Amino acid sequence: MAEEEPTAPEGADVLETDAPEEELRFRDEDGAITREFYDAITAAVEARDAEQVRALAGDLHEADAADILVALHADDRAPFVSLLGKDFDFAALTEVDEQIRVAVLEELPTEVVVEGMRELDSDDAVYILEDLDEAAKAEILEQLPIPDRLSIQRSLDYPEETAGRRMQTDFIAVASFWTVGQTIDFLRNQSELPDDFYEIFVIDPAFRLAGTVPLNKILRAKRQTRIADVMNETSHPVLATEDQEEVARLFERYNLVSTAVVDEGGRLVGVLTIDDMVDVMKQEAEEDLRALAGVGDEEISDSVTDTVRSRFIWLLVNLATAILASMVISLFDGAISKMVALAVLMPIVASMGGNAGSQTMTVAVRALATREIDRRNMVRTIVRETTVGAINGVLFAVLIGIAAGLWFEDVLLGVIIGAALIINLVVAGLAGILIPLALDRLEIDPAVASSVFVTTVTDVVGFSAFLGLATWFLTG
């Protein structure tokens, strides 16, 4: 951690601007930060003009402050946070890439980070701290008040990407024998309540979850009504060790706004809210998308070295599969040398098969991730994708067959490429669904590995079918 806040360079002038701050538009019609605002905030940060920085960005929402952090030069990000001081909401750091977040935290003085952590919900504090190295994490935790430290440490002790890591440890729990009046008085008299809550949890003397009471029931019930008489016993609680993706699916299925988090003994340890789950859904969807393209957990802010390292392995695997496809082509070099048209038309067969396979694979991988495919509908899904491949194969076989026949004035060549397309698109449909299913059964992430295998199958089958038929009918 850095030891001192950034100060104005010796001889630096305080930023002066003729335009009043309120005349500067923050975003343009496309939602991007305007050039005028960016220039003004950059000049204020470089001049270490704290007053101007606060005037420009002190009232911005955390998401807008995060956009400024991303837009600023790397050397200006930590000074921007320091110059804003108490006007900077550290929740903005949950909205930026991990690399930016860690870099900013490492440059800020420890006391600034500690002060920012104290104002955060426990789940946001955990999200910000979890990517730091152990020494920096321990240094920050040691300076936090004991209650905050214990709640954050408890969440950090759970595995990554579990409900325990995502939960808030601030919640409201009451006994079932309380009355509605007692509960309302308790809420009014407590000074430290969660900023936002949607239901009150009901617990037994051992702190085990007994049920929940939505706020609307509290407001509508008479004061003398017992909590036990208005609580809901079914609240869809989740284990703290449950995978966050499964929890997000629970929110989606039952339209939950919040849910309790319990430990193995059924004791209440935290709460998850819909805003956390929206972030999880977005994160998981992005992970699947990046995995399909073979870029892992790469972020736009990653360095060139990290990006090369992330992409190299899968490009190397792709090279190996491409060589395999080339070896198939080499088996028919005699036929290709006798008829140039085969070399011209080969990419069409491979490209159509690859694209058709990718379409099926994308649908299959997403369906597996959301548990939409199971034993009940697996066979029906395989038959559907195979049928779609066959129909598309026939339709495109007619189109490309006519085009190739007219182009090279050879009807038989048009028939051959049409037949090869039908074969390859049927195989593409099968490979696109069967390969993800097989990888999922082997407990290998289908989003990561499917693309390379599907492409290899469609290339090999496409080249083999087209060149094999051509060798048989045209040059044999």
Protein backbone atom coordinates (compact mmCIF):
# COMPACT_ATOMS: atom_id res chain seq x y z
CA MET A 1 0.00 0.00 0.00
CA ALA A 2 1.16 3.51 -0.71
CA GLU A 3 2.02 5.71 2.25
CA GLU A 4 1.00 9.19 1.15
CA GLU A 5 -1.81 10.85 -0.74
CA PRO A 6 -0.87 12.49 -4.04
CA THR A 7 -0.11 16.17 -3.69
CA ALA A 8 0.14 18.91 -6.24
CA PRO A 9 3.48 18.96 -8.08
CA GLU A 10 5.65 21.87 -7.05
CA GLY A 11 4.75 24.94 -9.06
CA ALA A 12 1.54 23.37 -10.41
CA ASP A 13 -1.27 25.80 -11.07
CA VAL A 14 -4.80 25.25 -9.84
CA LEU A 15 -7.11 24.51 -12.75
CA GLU A 16 -8.92 27.53 -14.08
CA THR A 17 -11.87 27.27 -16.41
CA ASP A 18 -14.11 29.94 -17.86
CA ALA A 19 -17.08 27.61 -18.17
CA PRO A 20 -19.13 27.00 -15.00
CA GLU A 21 -19.10 23.40 -13.87
CA GLU A 22 -22.84 22.97 -14.42
CA GLU A 23 -22.49 23.78 -18.12
CA LEU A 24 -20.31 20.74 -18.72
CA ARG A 25 -22.33 17.79 -19.99
CA PHE A 26 -21.20 14.52 -18.48
CA ARG A 27 -22.51 12.20 -21.21
CA ASP A 28 -23.30 12.64 -24.88
CA GLU A 29 -26.28 11.27 -26.81
CA ASP A 30 -24.62 7.84 -27.07
CA GLY A 31 -24.03 7.62 -23.32
CA ALA A 32 -20.26 8.15 -23.55
CA ILE A 33 -18.36 10.68 -21.40
CA THR A 34 -18.11 13.91 -23.36
CA ARG A 35 -14.72 15.14 -24.49
CA GLU A 36 -15.25 18.45 -22.65
CA PHE A 37 -15.96 16.72 -19.33
CA TYR A 38 -13.07 14.30 -19.77
CA ASP A 39 -10.64 17.15 -20.54
CA ALA A 40 -11.90 19.13 -17.54
CA ILE A 41 -11.64 16.23 -15.07
CA THR A 42 -8.21 15.23 -16.42
CA ALA A 43 -6.91 18.79 -16.10
CA ALA A 44 -8.27 19.05 -12.55
CA VAL A 45 -6.64 15.77 -11.51
CA GLU A 46 -3.29 16.63 -13.08
CA ALA A 47 -3.35 20.04 -11.35
CA ARG A 48 -4.29 18.30 -8.07
CA ASP A 49 -7.22 20.72 -7.76
CA ALA A 50 -9.36 18.86 -5.21
CA GLU A 51 -12.06 21.54 -5.15
CA GLN A 52 -12.57 21.37 -8.91
CA VAL A 53 -12.52 17.57 -8.93
CA ARG A 54 -15.23 17.50 -6.25
CA ALA A 55 -17.24 20.13 -8.13
CA LEU A 56 -17.12 18.03 -11.30
CA ALA A 57 -17.51 14.50 -9.92
CA GLY A 58 -18.46 14.74 -6.25
CA ASP A 59 -22.17 14.14 -6.82
CA LEU A 60 -21.90 11.42 -9.46
CA HIS A 61 -23.44 7.98 -9.02
CA GLU A 62 -20.98 5.18 -8.24
CA ALA A 63 -21.44 3.72 -11.75
CA ASP A 64 -20.59 7.09 -13.33
CA ALA A 65 -17.54 7.48 -11.09
CA ALA A 66 -16.46 4.01 -12.24
CA ASP A 67 -16.73 5.10 -15.87
CA ILE A 68 -14.44 8.04 -15.12
CA LEU A 69 -11.91 5.71 -13.47
CA VAL A 70 -11.88 3.51 -16.56
CA ALA A 71 -11.53 6.50 -18.91
CA LEU A 72 -8.70 8.18 -16.98
CA HIS A 73 -5.05 7.41 -17.63
CA ALA A 74 -3.70 4.77 -15.25
CA ASP A 75 -1.50 7.35 -13.48
CA ASP A 76 -4.51 9.58 -12.76
CA ARG A 77 -6.88 7.00 -11.24
CA ALA A 78 -5.57 6.85 -7.67
CA PRO A 79 -5.11 10.68 -7.49
CA PHE A 80 -8.73 11.06 -8.69
CA VAL A 81 -9.94 8.92 -5.77
CA SER A 82 -7.75 10.75 -3.25
CA LEU A 83 -8.78 14.20 -4.48
CA LEU A 84 -12.46 13.31 -4.19
CA GLY A 85 -11.86 12.22 -0.59
CA LYS A 86 -15.07 11.44 1.25
CA ASP A 87 -17.07 12.25 -1.88
CA PHE A 88 -15.75 9.11 -3.57
CA ASP A 89 -18.02 6.10 -3.10
CA PHE A 90 -15.79 3.04 -2.92
CA ALA A 91 -18.67 1.00 -4.31
CA ALA A 92 -17.52 2.40 -7.68
CA LEU A 93 -14.60 -0.04 -7.48
CA THR A 94 -17.05 -2.93 -7.78
CA GLU A 95 -17.98 -1.62 -11.25
CA VAL A 96 -14.49 -1.73 -12.79
CA ASP A 97 -12.24 -4.53 -14.03
CA GLU A 98 -10.17 -6.44 -11.50
CA GLN A 99 -6.89 -5.11 -12.90
CA ILE A 100 -7.99 -1.47 -12.50
CA ARG A 101 -9.44 -2.12 -9.05
CA VAL A 102 -6.29 -3.78 -7.71
CA ALA A 103 -4.00 -1.13 -9.22
CA VAL A 104 -5.99 1.70 -7.62
CA LEU A 105 -6.08 0.01 -4.21
CA GLU A 106 -2.35 -0.64 -4.26
CA GLU A 107 -1.60 3.03 -4.95
CA LEU A 108 -3.96 4.47 -2.33
CA PRO A 109 -2.83 5.03 1.28
CA THR A 110 -4.07 2.27 3.56
CA GLU A 111 -6.01 4.69 5.77
CA VAL A 112 -7.93 5.97 2.73
CA VAL A 113 -8.90 2.43 1.75
CA VAL A 114 -9.91 1.58 5.32
CA GLU A 115 -12.13 4.65 5.56
CA GLY A 116 -13.77 3.75 2.25
CA MET A 117 -14.36 0.16 3.36
CA ARG A 118 -16.18 1.31 6.50
CA GLU A 119 -18.90 2.93 4.42
CA LEU A 120 -19.60 -0.14 2.27
CA ASP A 121 -22.01 -3.01 2.61
CA SER A 122 -20.13 -6.14 3.62
CA ASP A 123 -20.67 -7.85 0.24
CA ASP A 124 -19.14 -4.90 -1.64
CA ALA A 125 -16.21 -4.76 0.78
CA VAL A 126 -15.56 -8.48 0.24
CA TYR A 127 -15.77 -8.10 -3.54
CA ILE A 128 -13.18 -5.31 -3.48
CA LEU A 129 -10.75 -6.98 -1.08
CA GLU A 130 -10.83 -10.56 -2.37
CA ASP A 131 -8.48 -9.92 -5.30
CA LEU A 132 -5.72 -8.30 -3.22
CA ASP A 133 -2.71 -10.29 -2.07
CA GLU A 134 -2.87 -11.66 1.46
CA ALA A 135 -0.50 -9.10 2.97
CA ALA A 136 -2.43 -6.09 1.64
CA LYS A 137 -5.73 -7.70 2.62
CA ALA A 138 -4.53 -8.34 6.18
CA GLU A 139 -3.20 -4.79 6.50
CA ILE A 140 -6.60 -3.33 5.64
CA LEU A 141 -8.60 -5.77 7.78
CA GLU A 142 -6.44 -5.06 10.85
CA GLN A 143 -7.44 -1.39 10.77
CA LEU A 144 -11.18 -1.97 10.40
CA PRO A 145 -13.46 -1.97 13.45
CA ILE A 146 -13.77 -5.44 14.94
CA PRO A 147 -17.44 -6.03 13.91
CA ASP A 148 -16.72 -5.01 10.30
CA ARG A 149 -13.53 -7.06 10.24
CA LEU A 150 -15.25 -10.20 11.53
CA SER A 151 -18.16 -9.99 9.08
CA ILE A 152 -15.84 -9.43 6.10
CA GLN A 153 -13.44 -12.15 7.19
CA ARG A 154 -16.32 -14.60 7.60
CA SER A 155 -17.35 -14.06 3.99
CA LEU A 156 -13.76 -14.25 2.75
CA ASP A 157 -13.43 -17.65 4.40
CA TYR A 158 -16.02 -19.10 2.02
CA PRO A 159 -14.86 -20.39 -1.42
CA GLU A 160 -14.90 -18.00 -4.38
CA GLU A 161 -18.11 -17.74 -6.41
CA THR A 162 -20.29 -19.07 -3.60
CA ALA A 163 -23.28 -17.53 -1.86
CA GLY A 164 -21.11 -16.86 1.21
CA ARG A 165 -18.81 -14.60 -0.81
CA ARG A 166 -21.75 -12.66 -2.27
CA MET A 167 -23.94 -12.29 0.82
CA GLN A 168 -24.44 -9.24 3.00
CA THR A 169 -23.89 -9.94 6.68
CA ASP A 170 -26.10 -7.00 7.72
CA PHE A 171 -29.71 -8.13 8.08
CA ILE A 172 -32.67 -7.86 10.43
CA ALA A 173 -33.77 -10.91 12.42
CA VAL A 174 -36.44 -11.17 15.13
CA ALA A 175 -37.96 -13.89 17.27
CA SER A 176 -41.22 -15.53 16.25
CA PHE A 177 -42.88 -14.64 19.58
CA TRP A 178 -42.36 -10.91 18.98
CA THR A 179 -45.36 -8.83 17.99
CA VAL A 180 -45.60 -6.61 14.94
CA GLY A 181 -45.59 -3.60 17.27
CA GLN A 182 -42.34 -4.71 18.95
CA THR A 183 -40.77 -5.23 15.54
CA ILE A 184 -41.76 -1.78 14.29
CA ASP A 185 -40.47 -0.13 17.45
CA PHE A 186 -37.21 -2.06 17.10
CA LEU A 187 -36.79 -0.85 13.50
CA ARG A 188 -37.50 2.76 14.51
CA ASN A 189 -35.10 2.79 17.43
CA GLN A 190 -32.15 1.03 15.80
CA SER A 191 -29.63 3.47 14.35
CA GLU A 192 -27.59 0.92 12.40
CA LEU A 193 -29.86 -0.91 9.99
CA PRO A 194 -29.07 -2.06 6.44
CA ASP A 195 -29.54 0.73 3.91
CA ASP A 196 -32.02 -1.36 1.93
CA PHE A 197 -34.00 -4.40 3.03
CA TYR A 198 -37.14 -6.07 1.76
CA GLU A 199 -38.01 -8.62 4.39
CA ILE A 200 -37.36 -9.46 8.02
CA PHE A 201 -36.02 -12.87 8.98
CA VAL A 202 -37.50 -14.91 11.79
CA ILE A 203 -35.17 -17.05 13.88
CA ASP A 204 -35.40 -19.49 16.77
CA PRO A 205 -33.28 -19.25 19.97
CA ALA A 206 -30.43 -21.14 18.22
CA PHE A 207 -30.42 -18.55 15.39
CA ARG A 208 -31.79 -21.11 12.94
CA LEU A 209 -33.98 -19.68 10.18
CA ALA A 210 -37.68 -20.18 10.86
CA GLY A 211 -39.19 -18.00 8.13
CA THR A 212 -39.47 -14.52 6.69
CA VAL A 213 -41.89 -11.62 6.90
CA PRO A 214 -42.20 -9.24 3.92
CA LEU A 215 -42.34 -5.58 4.87
CA ASN A 216 -45.81 -5.19 3.37
CA LYS A 217 -47.18 -7.70 5.92
CA ILE A 218 -45.52 -5.80 8.77
CA LEU A 219 -47.17 -2.56 7.63
CA ARG A 220 -50.60 -4.10 7.17
CA ALA A 221 -50.82 -6.16 10.37
CA LYS A 222 -52.06 -4.86 13.69
CA ARG A 223 -49.45 -4.12 16.35
CA GLN A 224 -50.54 -6.92 18.67
CA THR A 225 -50.23 -9.59 15.93
CA ARG A 226 -47.50 -12.16 16.61
CA ILE A 227 -44.73 -12.45 14.01
CA ALA A 228 -45.32 -16.22 13.92
CA ASP A 229 -48.83 -15.54 12.57
CA VAL A 230 -47.69 -13.46 9.58
CA MET A 231 -44.39 -15.06 8.61
CA ASN A 232 -43.80 -17.19 5.54
CA GLU A 233 -42.22 -20.52 6.39
CA THR A 234 -40.99 -21.17 2.83
CA SER A 235 -38.30 -18.64 1.99
CA HIS A 236 -35.99 -20.57 -0.40
CA PRO A 237 -32.89 -20.25 1.79
CA VAL A 238 -29.53 -21.16 0.25
CA LEU A 239 -26.41 -22.68 1.76
CA ALA A 240 -23.44 -20.36 2.11
CA THR A 241 -21.35 -22.88 0.17
CA GLU A 242 -23.76 -23.09 -2.77
CA ASP A 243 -22.48 -21.96 -6.16
CA GLN A 244 -23.50 -18.41 -7.02
CA GLU A 245 -24.75 -19.45 -10.46
CA GLU A 246 -27.21 -21.90 -8.89
CA VAL A 247 -28.39 -19.17 -6.53
CA ALA A 248 -28.92 -16.77 -9.43
CA ARG A 249 -30.98 -19.43 -11.17
CA LEU A 250 -33.10 -19.73 -7.99
CA PHE A 251 -33.75 -15.98 -8.05
CA GLU A 252 -34.78 -16.20 -11.69
CA ARG A 253 -37.04 -19.22 -11.19
CA TYR A 254 -38.96 -17.88 -8.18
CA ASN A 255 -38.72 -14.13 -8.95
CA LEU A 256 -37.01 -13.49 -5.62
CA VAL A 257 -36.01 -10.06 -4.39
CA SER A 258 -33.90 -11.39 -1.53
CA THR A 259 -33.21 -14.68 0.21
CA ALA A 260 -31.56 -15.91 3.38
CA VAL A 261 -28.12 -17.53 3.47
CA VAL A 262 -27.65 -20.29 6.06
CA ASP A 263 -24.76 -22.46 7.20
CA GLU A 264 -24.71 -26.27 7.35
CA GLY A 265 -26.61 -26.16 10.65
CA GLY A 266 -29.41 -24.01 9.23
CA ARG A 267 -28.27 -20.92 11.15
CA LEU A 268 -28.80 -17.55 9.48
CA VAL A 269 -25.49 -16.00 8.39
CA GLY A 270 -26.41 -13.48 5.71
CA VAL A 271 -28.74 -12.30 2.98
CA LEU A 272 -28.54 -12.11 -0.81
CA THR A 273 -30.43 -9.46 -2.78
CA ILE A 274 -31.48 -9.16 -6.39
CA ASP A 275 -28.85 -6.52 -7.24
CA ASP A 276 -26.12 -9.02 -6.31
CA MET A 277 -27.73 -11.71 -8.44
CA VAL A 278 -28.05 -9.44 -11.48
CA ASP A 279 -24.28 -8.95 -11.29
CA VAL A 280 -23.79 -12.71 -11.03
CA MET A 281 -26.01 -13.37 -14.07
CA LYS A 282 -24.06 -10.81 -16.07
CA GLN A 283 -20.74 -12.22 -14.91
CA GLU A 284 -21.66 -15.82 -15.72
CA ALA A 285 -23.01 -14.88 -19.16
CA GLU A 286 -19.80 -12.97 -19.93
CA GLU A 287 -17.69 -15.92 -18.77
CA ASP A 288 -19.56 -18.30 -21.07
CA LEU A 289 -19.21 -15.91 -24.00
CA ARG A 290 -15.48 -15.44 -23.47
CA ALA A 291 -14.95 -19.17 -22.94
CA LEU A 292 -16.65 -19.96 -26.25
CA ALA A 293 -14.11 -17.70 -27.95
CA GLY A 294 -11.20 -19.17 -25.97
CA VAL A 295 -10.26 -15.95 -24.15
CA GLY A 296 -10.84 -17.14 -20.55
CA ASP A 297 -11.36 -14.37 -17.99
CA GLU A 298 -9.67 -11.73 -20.13
CA GLU A 299 -10.66 -8.08 -19.58
CA ILE A 300 -10.31 -5.11 -21.91
CA SER A 301 -7.95 -3.49 -19.40
CA ASP A 302 -5.51 -6.44 -19.36
CA SER A 303 -1.94 -5.84 -20.45
CA VAL A 304 -0.56 -7.09 -23.77
CA THR A 305 1.45 -9.79 -21.97
CA ASP A 306 -1.56 -11.10 -20.03
CA THR A 307 -3.72 -11.07 -23.17
CA VAL A 308 -1.14 -12.99 -25.21
CA ARG A 309 -0.78 -15.55 -22.42
CA SER A 310 -4.58 -15.93 -22.17
CA ARG A 311 -5.09 -16.53 -25.90
CA PHE A 312 -1.96 -18.48 -26.80
CA ILE A 313 -2.97 -21.88 -25.41
CA TRP A 314 -6.25 -22.13 -27.30
CA LEU A 315 -4.66 -20.78 -30.48
CA LEU A 316 -2.04 -23.51 -30.11
CA VAL A 317 -4.78 -26.13 -29.77
CA ASN A 318 -6.51 -24.61 -32.79
CA LEU A 319 -3.26 -24.85 -34.76
CA ALA A 320 -3.06 -28.56 -33.99
CA THR A 321 -6.62 -29.16 -35.19
CA ALA A 322 -5.98 -27.06 -38.31
CA ILE A 323 -2.98 -29.25 -39.11
CA LEU A 324 -5.23 -32.29 -38.75
CA ALA A 325 -7.65 -30.79 -41.30
CA SER A 326 -4.73 -30.01 -43.61
CA MET A 327 -3.57 -33.61 -43.40
CA VAL A 328 -7.03 -34.69 -44.59
CA ILE A 329 -6.70 -32.34 -47.56
CA SER A 330 -3.24 -33.71 -48.38
CA LEU A 331 -4.79 -37.15 -48.87
CA PHE A 332 -6.58 -35.78 -51.92
CA ASP A 333 -3.78 -33.66 -53.39
CA GLY A 334 -3.93 -35.62 -56.62
CA ALA A 335 -7.58 -34.78 -57.19
CA ILE A 336 -7.04 -31.12 -56.29
CA SER A 337 -4.10 -30.80 -58.71
CA LYS A 338 -6.25 -32.17 -61.55
CA MET A 339 -9.21 -29.86 -60.89
CA VAL A 340 -8.66 -26.31 -59.64
CA ALA A 341 -12.40 -25.91 -58.95
CA LEU A 342 -12.05 -28.21 -55.94
CA ALA A 343 -9.58 -25.84 -54.27
CA VAL A 344 -11.91 -22.92 -54.97
CA LEU A 345 -14.98 -24.60 -53.48
CA MET A 346 -13.40 -26.34 -50.46
CA PRO A 347 -13.61 -23.29 -48.12
CA ILE A 348 -17.37 -23.03 -48.75
CA VAL A 349 -18.04 -26.53 -47.42
CA ALA A 350 -15.82 -26.07 -44.36
CA SER A 351 -17.14 -22.57 -43.57
CA MET A 352 -20.81 -23.55 -43.81
CA GLY A 353 -20.25 -26.57 -41.57
CA GLY A 354 -18.25 -24.56 -39.03
CA ASN A 355 -20.89 -21.83 -38.79
CA ALA A 356 -23.76 -24.31 -38.50
CA GLY A 357 -21.90 -26.22 -35.80
CA SER A 358 -21.16 -23.00 -33.89
CA GLN A 359 -24.85 -22.05 -33.94
CA THR A 360 -25.91 -25.38 -32.47
CA MET A 361 -23.02 -25.41 -30.00
CA THR A 362 -23.84 -21.91 -28.69
CA VAL A 363 -27.46 -22.87 -28.03
CA ALA A 364 -26.40 -26.14 -26.42
CA VAL A 365 -23.76 -24.61 -24.14
CA ARG A 366 -26.15 -21.94 -22.91
CA ALA A 367 -28.92 -24.51 -22.36
CA LEU A 368 -26.53 -26.67 -20.32
CA ALA A 369 -25.47 -23.65 -18.26
CA THR A 370 -29.10 -22.81 -17.44
CA ARG A 371 -30.06 -26.50 -16.94
CA GLU A 372 -32.60 -26.36 -19.79
CA ILE A 373 -31.26 -29.65 -21.16
CA ASP A 374 -31.68 -32.77 -19.05
CA ARG A 375 -32.47 -36.46 -19.50
CA ARG A 376 -36.10 -35.61 -20.08
CA ASN A 377 -35.54 -33.61 -23.27
CA MET A 378 -32.02 -34.63 -24.34
CA VAL A 379 -33.07 -37.01 -27.12
CA ARG A 380 -35.66 -34.58 -28.45
CA THR A 381 -33.04 -31.82 -28.55
CA ILE A 382 -30.55 -34.01 -30.43
CA VAL A 383 -33.22 -35.00 -32.99
CA ARG A 384 -34.27 -31.37 -33.41
CA GLU A 385 -30.74 -30.12 -34.08
CA THR A 386 -30.02 -32.98 -36.49
CA THR A 387 -33.24 -32.24 -38.37
CA VAL A 388 -32.42 -28.53 -38.54
CA GLY A 389 -28.98 -29.39 -39.93
CA ALA A 390 -30.50 -31.71 -42.58
CA ILE A 391 -33.09 -29.15 -43.72
CA ASN A 392 -30.54 -26.33 -43.91
CA GLY A 393 -28.19 -28.73 -45.72
CA VAL A 394 -30.77 -29.47 -48.41
CA LEU A 395 -31.67 -25.79 -48.86
CA PHE A 396 -28.07 -24.63 -49.18
CA ALA A 397 -27.15 -27.68 -51.27
CA VAL A 398 -29.65 -26.54 -53.89
CA LEU A 399 -28.33 -22.96 -53.81
CA ILE A 400 -24.62 -23.74 -53.95
CA GLY A 401 -25.14 -26.69 -56.30
CA ILE A 402 -26.80 -24.48 -58.91
CA ALA A 403 -24.22 -21.72 -58.40
CA ALA A 404 -21.24 -24.09 -58.71
CA GLY A 405 -22.72 -25.87 -61.71
CA LEU A 406 -23.21 -22.59 -63.59
CA TRP A 407 -19.89 -21.14 -62.41
CA PHE A 408 -17.73 -24.03 -63.60
CA GLU A 409 -20.18 -25.32 -66.22
CA ASP A 410 -20.20 -28.73 -64.59
CA VAL A 411 -23.50 -30.12 -63.30
CA LEU A 412 -21.85 -33.09 -61.58
CA LEU A 413 -19.58 -30.75 -59.61
CA GLY A 414 -22.69 -28.88 -58.38
CA VAL A 415 -24.26 -32.18 -57.29
CA ILE A 416 -21.09 -33.21 -55.45
CA ILE A 417 -20.72 -30.00 -53.45
CA GLY A 418 -24.45 -30.09 -52.68
CA ALA A 419 -24.17 -33.63 -51.31
CA ALA A 420 -21.08 -32.68 -49.29
CA LEU A 421 -22.96 -29.73 -47.77
CA ILE A 422 -25.85 -31.93 -46.69
CA ILE A 423 -23.47 -34.39 -45.04
CA ASN A 424 -21.46 -31.66 -43.29
CA LEU A 425 -24.45 -29.70 -41.99
CA VAL A 426 -26.05 -32.85 -40.56
CA VAL A 427 -22.75 -33.73 -38.86
CA ALA A 428 -22.42 -30.10 -37.68
CA GLY A 429 -25.81 -30.31 -36.00
CA LEU A 430 -24.88 -33.57 -34.31
CA ALA A 431 -21.42 -32.39 -33.24
CA GLY A 432 -22.76 -29.06 -32.01
CA ILE A 433 -25.09 -30.79 -29.54
CA LEU A 434 -23.27 -34.06 -28.75
CA ILE A 435 -19.83 -32.60 -28.01
CA PRO A 436 -21.09 -30.14 -25.33
CA LEU A 437 -23.24 -32.93 -23.83
CA ALA A 438 -20.27 -35.30 -23.71
CA LEU A 439 -17.95 -32.71 -22.18
CA ASP A 440 -20.59 -31.82 -19.58
CA ARG A 441 -20.96 -35.52 -18.70
CA LEU A 442 -17.16 -35.71 -18.26
CA GLU A 443 -17.36 -32.65 -15.96
CA ILE A 444 -15.37 -30.53 -18.43
CA ASP A 445 -16.70 -27.01 -19.01
CA PRO A 446 -18.37 -27.24 -22.46
CA ALA A 447 -18.08 -23.48 -22.92
CA VAL A 448 -14.29 -23.73 -22.84
CA ALA A 449 -13.60 -26.84 -24.90
CA SER A 450 -16.52 -27.29 -27.33
CA SER A 451 -15.50 -24.77 -29.97
CA VAL A 452 -12.20 -26.40 -30.92
CA PHE A 453 -13.67 -29.90 -31.18
CA VAL A 454 -16.76 -28.84 -33.15
CA THR A 455 -14.64 -26.87 -35.63
CA THR A 456 -12.28 -29.82 -36.08
CA VAL A 457 -15.13 -32.26 -36.73
CA THR A 458 -16.85 -30.02 -39.30
CA ASP A 459 -13.55 -29.29 -41.09
CA VAL A 460 -12.49 -32.93 -41.27
CA VAL A 461 -15.92 -34.22 -42.31
CA GLY A 462 -16.46 -31.37 -44.78
CA PHE A 463 -13.14 -31.83 -46.53
CA SER A 464 -13.40 -35.63 -46.49
CA ALA A 465 -16.94 -35.65 -47.90
CA PHE A 466 -16.32 -33.09 -50.63
CA LEU A 467 -12.91 -34.29 -51.77
CA GLY A 468 -13.83 -37.95 -51.36
CA LEU A 469 -16.92 -37.60 -53.55
CA ALA A 470 -14.99 -35.51 -56.08
CA THR A 471 -12.22 -38.11 -56.26
CA TRP A 472 -14.76 -40.90 -56.70
CA PHE A 473 -16.90 -39.27 -59.40
CA LEU A 474 -14.66 -36.76 -61.18
CA THR A 475 -11.13 -38.09 -61.17
CA GLY A 476 -11.62 -41.76 -60.49
